[in-house]
Amino acid sequence: MLSTNPFSELSTVISPDIMQGYVILMVLAVIVGTILDMMHKKSAQYFFENAKKAQKDAKRSLGGGEKASLAIQTVANEVLTSSEFKSTRRRISHLFTMYGFVVFVVSTAVLIFGYATEAAAGIWPVLWHLGALALCIGGYWFWFAIRVDVAAEGVKWYNFNGRGDLFIVGLISTATFALLWSFTQGAGALNMLFFVLFIASSTVLFGTVFWSKFAHMFFKPAAAYQKKIIYADGSREGLPEDYDLTDPAVQKRFPDIPEYMGTNPPNMGPGINREPPRHY
């Protein structure tokens, strides 16, 4: 079962061209949604404007080699290993979800564009199933164990809280219905039901980028890299590691940083050194 391409049987009902067209449409939806998100939040403008301000406060100039080294560190730490997560279980859950999603999406594209009519497609069907399974492990672990923990967010599992939840629910449901669709091949109406739910979930996931946290994954590495730059060039010098953005002196020096990015997020009380709740 795991070694069988689930799209090969589908190709007898739906043309591979239609399947490929759907994938292309979802890619375009992600691109358009991300651009609209950037325009609405002015995140790119905010990023570049603050980069220029930090450059003016820099105590020294960084060479190309040093910048490249910081970029590699960003990829190795914040991207590949998610070292910014202080909680070990949240970090592991995130890595399962992230790598599962990447493997699932890549193998889906390979199967549809390269082996749409072939039941045996090498290692790709196995990767497709394992990617979806890893995504489910990380996603359900987050939703039912980490998210509900009062030390993290303390949200009831049945509560749906908008943008962040739209993203993770879209991920979980897409992977879940994909596996159920594959495992019920040949089951007639039940199999078709899971296929419809699979397509509906993936359409919601990729079609709601503007309203969800999907675009966050593209901004996160850039923000992490910029943070390393300002530490290295000294533009952040003089600002302690644990700071309070409600302090007028800090607000004067960094007028554009949202208050919730400080060590003491709103309504958390003084002296509490923890990050505000966040979703994937």
Protein backbone atom coordinates (compact mmCIF):
# COMPACT_ATOMS: atom_id res chain seq x y z
CA MET A 1 0.00 0.00 0.00
CA LEU A 2 2.70 2.50 0.98
CA SER A 3 4.63 1.79 -2.22
CA THR A 4 1.65 2.38 -4.52
CA ASN A 5 1.10 5.74 -6.19
CA PRO A 6 -2.45 6.76 -5.15
CA PHE A 7 -2.74 9.16 -8.08
CA SER A 8 -2.35 6.37 -10.66
CA GLU A 9 -5.83 4.99 -9.95
CA LEU A 10 -7.22 8.51 -9.86
CA SER A 11 -5.86 9.09 -13.37
CA THR A 12 -8.46 6.65 -14.72
CA VAL A 13 -11.17 9.05 -13.58
CA ILE A 14 -9.47 12.46 -13.69
CA SER A 15 -7.05 13.47 -16.42
CA PRO A 16 -3.43 14.04 -15.31
CA ASP A 17 -3.66 17.44 -17.00
CA ILE A 18 -6.45 18.41 -14.61
CA MET A 19 -4.44 17.19 -11.63
CA GLN A 20 -1.40 19.17 -12.79
CA GLY A 21 -3.57 22.24 -13.40
CA TYR A 22 -4.87 22.02 -9.84
CA VAL A 23 -1.34 21.89 -8.41
CA ILE A 24 -0.32 24.93 -10.49
CA LEU A 25 -3.45 26.77 -9.33
CA MET A 26 -2.58 26.08 -5.68
CA VAL A 27 0.98 27.36 -6.22
CA LEU A 28 -0.42 30.55 -7.72
CA ALA A 29 -2.83 30.87 -4.80
CA VAL A 30 0.09 30.72 -2.34
CA ILE A 31 2.05 33.34 -4.31
CA VAL A 32 -0.90 35.71 -4.63
CA GLY A 33 -1.92 35.21 -1.00
CA THR A 34 1.61 35.90 0.23
CA ILE A 35 1.88 39.07 -1.85
CA LEU A 36 -1.49 40.31 -0.61
CA ASP A 37 -0.46 39.51 2.97
CA MET A 38 2.75 41.53 2.52
CA MET A 39 0.83 44.45 1.03
CA HIS A 40 -1.81 44.40 3.76
CA LYS A 41 0.59 44.13 6.70
CA LYS A 42 3.36 46.12 4.98
CA SER A 43 5.71 43.48 6.38
CA ALA A 44 8.30 43.82 3.62
CA GLN A 45 8.28 47.62 3.97
CA TYR A 46 8.63 47.30 7.75
CA PHE A 47 11.50 44.84 7.36
CA PHE A 48 13.53 46.98 4.94
CA GLU A 49 12.88 50.24 6.77
CA ASN A 50 14.10 48.78 10.06
CA ALA A 51 17.08 47.22 8.31
CA LYS A 52 18.08 50.69 7.09
CA LYS A 53 17.64 52.16 10.57
CA ALA A 54 19.76 49.42 12.07
CA GLN A 55 22.41 50.04 9.43
CA LYS A 56 22.71 53.65 10.57
CA ASP A 57 23.31 52.50 14.16
CA ALA A 58 25.87 49.86 13.14
CA LYS A 59 29.19 50.07 14.98
CA ARG A 60 31.06 48.21 12.27
CA SER A 61 30.62 47.02 8.70
CA LEU A 62 30.15 43.33 8.00
CA GLY A 63 32.02 41.72 5.13
CA GLY A 64 30.47 39.39 2.58
CA GLY A 65 32.03 36.34 4.19
CA GLU A 66 30.62 37.18 7.61
CA LYS A 67 27.16 37.82 6.16
CA ALA A 68 27.32 34.50 4.32
CA SER A 69 28.33 32.78 7.56
CA LEU A 70 25.34 34.33 9.36
CA ALA A 71 23.06 33.23 6.53
CA ILE A 72 24.35 29.66 6.86
CA GLN A 73 23.82 29.79 10.62
CA THR A 74 20.25 30.99 10.05
CA VAL A 75 19.52 28.12 7.68
CA ALA A 76 21.15 25.57 9.98
CA ASN A 77 19.56 26.81 13.22
CA GLU A 78 16.28 28.62 12.61
CA VAL A 79 15.28 26.83 9.38
CA LEU A 80 16.61 23.26 9.45
CA THR A 81 16.58 22.58 13.20
CA SER A 82 14.17 25.24 14.56
CA SER A 83 16.49 26.07 17.42
CA GLU A 84 14.45 29.14 18.39
CA PHE A 85 11.90 26.86 20.08
CA LYS A 86 12.98 26.60 23.73
CA SER A 87 10.55 23.79 24.48
CA THR A 88 11.98 20.47 23.29
CA ARG A 89 8.61 18.86 22.60
CA ARG A 90 7.37 21.91 20.69
CA ARG A 91 10.55 21.89 18.66
CA ILE A 92 10.20 18.19 17.81
CA SER A 93 6.52 18.64 16.97
CA HIS A 94 7.39 21.55 14.71
CA LEU A 95 10.13 19.57 12.95
CA PHE A 96 7.77 16.63 12.33
CA THR A 97 5.21 19.02 10.87
CA MET A 98 7.67 21.05 8.82
CA TYR A 99 9.61 18.18 7.27
CA GLY A 100 6.44 16.15 6.83
CA PHE A 101 4.85 19.03 4.94
CA VAL A 102 7.89 19.59 2.72
CA VAL A 103 8.24 15.88 1.85
CA PHE A 104 4.48 15.55 1.29
CA VAL A 105 4.26 18.56 -1.03
CA VAL A 106 7.39 17.71 -3.03
CA SER A 107 6.42 14.06 -3.47
CA THR A 108 2.89 15.08 -4.49
CA ALA A 109 4.30 17.28 -7.24
CA VAL A 110 6.67 14.53 -8.42
CA LEU A 111 3.93 11.88 -8.48
CA ILE A 112 1.46 14.09 -10.35
CA PHE A 113 3.87 15.59 -12.86
CA GLY A 114 6.15 12.57 -13.33
CA TYR A 115 4.20 9.40 -12.52
CA ALA A 116 0.51 10.30 -12.70
CA THR A 117 -0.44 7.06 -14.49
CA GLU A 118 2.14 4.72 -12.95
CA ALA A 119 1.29 2.70 -9.84
CA ALA A 120 4.96 1.94 -9.21
CA ALA A 121 6.85 5.23 -8.93
CA GLY A 122 10.04 4.25 -7.12
CA ILE A 123 10.53 5.69 -3.66
CA TRP A 124 8.11 8.60 -4.17
CA PRO A 125 4.88 6.89 -3.02
CA VAL A 126 6.64 5.82 0.18
CA LEU A 127 7.85 9.39 0.76
CA TRP A 128 4.35 10.70 0.06
CA HIS A 129 2.82 8.48 2.73
CA LEU A 130 5.62 9.04 5.25
CA GLY A 131 5.46 12.81 4.71
CA ALA A 132 1.71 12.86 5.38
CA LEU A 133 2.17 10.61 8.42
CA ALA A 134 4.93 12.83 9.88
CA LEU A 135 2.73 15.88 9.30
CA CYS A 136 -0.10 14.20 11.21
CA ILE A 137 2.20 13.23 14.09
CA GLY A 138 3.55 16.75 14.50
CA GLY A 139 0.21 18.46 13.92
CA TYR A 140 -1.92 16.31 16.22
CA TRP A 141 0.77 16.38 18.90
CA PHE A 142 0.70 20.16 18.80
CA TRP A 143 -3.10 20.41 18.73
CA PHE A 144 -4.00 17.89 21.42
CA ALA A 145 -0.95 17.97 23.74
CA ILE A 146 1.10 21.16 23.39
CA ARG A 147 -1.52 23.75 22.52
CA VAL A 148 -3.75 22.78 25.44
CA ASP A 149 -0.92 22.90 27.99
CA VAL A 150 -1.24 25.95 30.25
CA ALA A 151 2.55 26.32 30.11
CA ALA A 152 2.22 26.99 26.39
CA GLU A 153 -1.15 28.43 25.40
CA GLY A 154 -3.77 26.75 27.57
CA VAL A 155 -6.37 26.60 24.77
CA LYS A 156 -9.04 23.91 24.77
CA TRP A 157 -8.56 21.46 21.89
CA TYR A 158 -12.06 22.23 20.56
CA ASN A 159 -11.50 26.00 20.47
CA PHE A 160 -10.70 27.50 17.07
CA ASN A 161 -8.88 30.82 17.32
CA GLY A 162 -8.63 32.22 13.82
CA ARG A 163 -5.54 32.76 11.69
CA GLY A 164 -3.03 30.48 13.36
CA ASP A 165 -5.55 27.68 13.83
CA LEU A 166 -6.72 27.92 10.22
CA PHE A 167 -3.20 27.04 9.09
CA ILE A 168 -2.58 24.08 11.40
CA VAL A 169 -6.09 22.66 10.93
CA GLY A 170 -5.61 22.92 7.16
CA LEU A 171 -2.32 21.03 7.44
CA ILE A 172 -3.72 18.28 9.66
CA SER A 173 -6.92 17.75 7.68
CA THR A 174 -5.09 17.70 4.32
CA ALA A 175 -2.62 15.04 5.49
CA THR A 176 -5.28 13.02 7.30
CA PHE A 177 -7.72 12.84 4.39
CA ALA A 178 -4.85 12.17 1.97
CA LEU A 179 -3.88 9.06 3.95
CA LEU A 180 -7.49 7.92 4.35
CA TRP A 181 -8.05 8.38 0.61
CA SER A 182 -4.96 6.32 -0.20
CA PHE A 183 -5.73 3.54 2.31
CA THR A 184 -9.32 3.15 1.02
CA GLN A 185 -8.41 2.78 -2.64
CA GLY A 186 -11.01 0.53 -4.25
CA ALA A 187 -13.62 1.20 -1.54
CA GLY A 188 -15.97 3.02 -3.91
CA ALA A 189 -18.05 5.82 -2.39
CA LEU A 190 -16.03 5.92 0.85
CA ASN A 191 -12.83 6.41 -1.10
CA MET A 192 -14.42 9.18 -3.17
CA LEU A 193 -15.65 10.88 0.02
CA PHE A 194 -12.12 10.97 1.45
CA PHE A 195 -10.79 12.26 -1.89
CA VAL A 196 -13.31 15.12 -1.90
CA LEU A 197 -12.38 15.99 1.70
CA PHE A 198 -8.67 15.80 0.78
CA ILE A 199 -9.13 18.26 -2.10
CA ALA A 200 -11.37 20.54 -0.02
CA SER A 201 -8.82 20.64 2.83
CA SER A 202 -5.87 21.34 0.53
CA THR A 203 -7.85 24.06 -1.24
CA VAL A 204 -8.57 25.72 2.11
CA LEU A 205 -4.92 25.36 3.16
CA PHE A 206 -3.41 26.89 0.02
CA GLY A 207 -6.30 29.19 -0.85
CA THR A 208 -6.48 31.02 2.48
CA VAL A 209 -2.86 32.18 2.75
CA PHE A 210 -4.00 35.79 3.10
CA TRP A 211 -6.13 34.91 6.15
CA SER A 212 -3.90 32.28 7.77
CA LYS A 213 -0.36 32.04 9.15
CA PHE A 214 0.92 30.30 6.01
CA ALA A 215 2.96 33.32 4.84
CA HIS A 216 4.69 33.40 8.23
CA MET A 217 7.02 30.61 7.14
CA PHE A 218 8.48 32.84 4.42
CA PHE A 219 9.13 35.85 6.69
CA LYS A 220 10.54 33.94 9.63
CA PRO A 221 14.01 33.11 8.14
CA ALA A 222 14.47 36.69 6.91
CA ALA A 223 13.66 38.09 10.36
CA ALA A 224 16.03 35.61 12.02
CA TYR A 225 18.83 36.55 9.63
CA GLN A 226 18.29 40.28 10.23
CA LYS A 227 18.42 39.69 13.99
CA LYS A 228 21.84 38.04 13.64
CA ILE A 229 23.04 40.95 11.49
CA ILE A 230 22.13 43.63 14.03
CA TYR A 231 23.81 41.67 16.82
CA ALA A 232 26.96 41.25 14.74
CA ASP A 233 27.29 44.84 13.50
CA GLY A 234 26.58 46.33 16.93
CA SER A 235 23.42 48.20 15.96
CA ARG A 236 21.61 46.49 18.83
CA GLU A 237 24.39 47.34 21.27
CA GLY A 238 23.17 49.00 24.43
CA LEU A 239 19.85 47.19 24.47
CA PRO A 240 19.90 44.42 27.08
CA GLU A 241 18.85 40.87 26.27
CA ASP A 242 15.85 41.10 28.62
CA TYR A 243 14.13 44.35 27.87
CA ASP A 244 10.70 45.86 28.28
CA LEU A 245 9.25 47.62 25.26
CA THR A 246 6.91 49.56 27.52
CA ASP A 247 9.98 51.47 28.73
CA PRO A 248 9.83 55.01 27.21
CA ALA A 249 13.60 54.98 26.61
CA VAL A 250 13.37 51.77 24.60
CA GLN A 251 10.33 53.02 22.68
CA LYS A 252 12.21 56.19 21.76
CA ARG A 253 15.12 54.27 20.29
CA PHE A 254 12.95 51.60 18.60
CA PRO A 255 9.67 53.40 17.84
CA ASP A 256 8.43 50.93 15.22
CA ILE A 257 8.79 47.64 17.13
CA PRO A 258 5.39 46.30 18.25
CA GLU A 259 5.05 46.05 22.00
CA TYR A 260 4.20 42.34 21.89
CA MET A 261 7.72 41.53 20.63
CA GLY A 262 9.25 42.49 23.96
CA THR A 263 10.23 40.25 26.84
CA ASN A 264 7.10 41.23 28.75
CA PRO A 265 4.15 40.78 26.36
CA PRO A 266 0.92 42.64 27.24
CA ASN A 267 -1.19 41.16 30.05
CA MET A 268 1.56 38.73 31.09
CA GLY A 269 2.75 40.76 34.01
CA PRO A 270 6.19 42.18 34.79
CA GLY A 271 9.26 40.01 34.91
CA ILE A 272 7.81 37.10 32.92
CA ASN A 273 10.45 36.14 30.41
CA ARG A 274 8.70 34.03 27.83
CA GLU A 275 7.60 34.35 24.24
CA PRO A 276 3.96 35.17 23.43
CA PRO A 277 1.94 32.17 22.22
CA ARG A 278 2.47 31.41 18.56
CA HIS A 279 1.27 28.91 16.03
CA TYR A 280 2.99 27.29 13.09
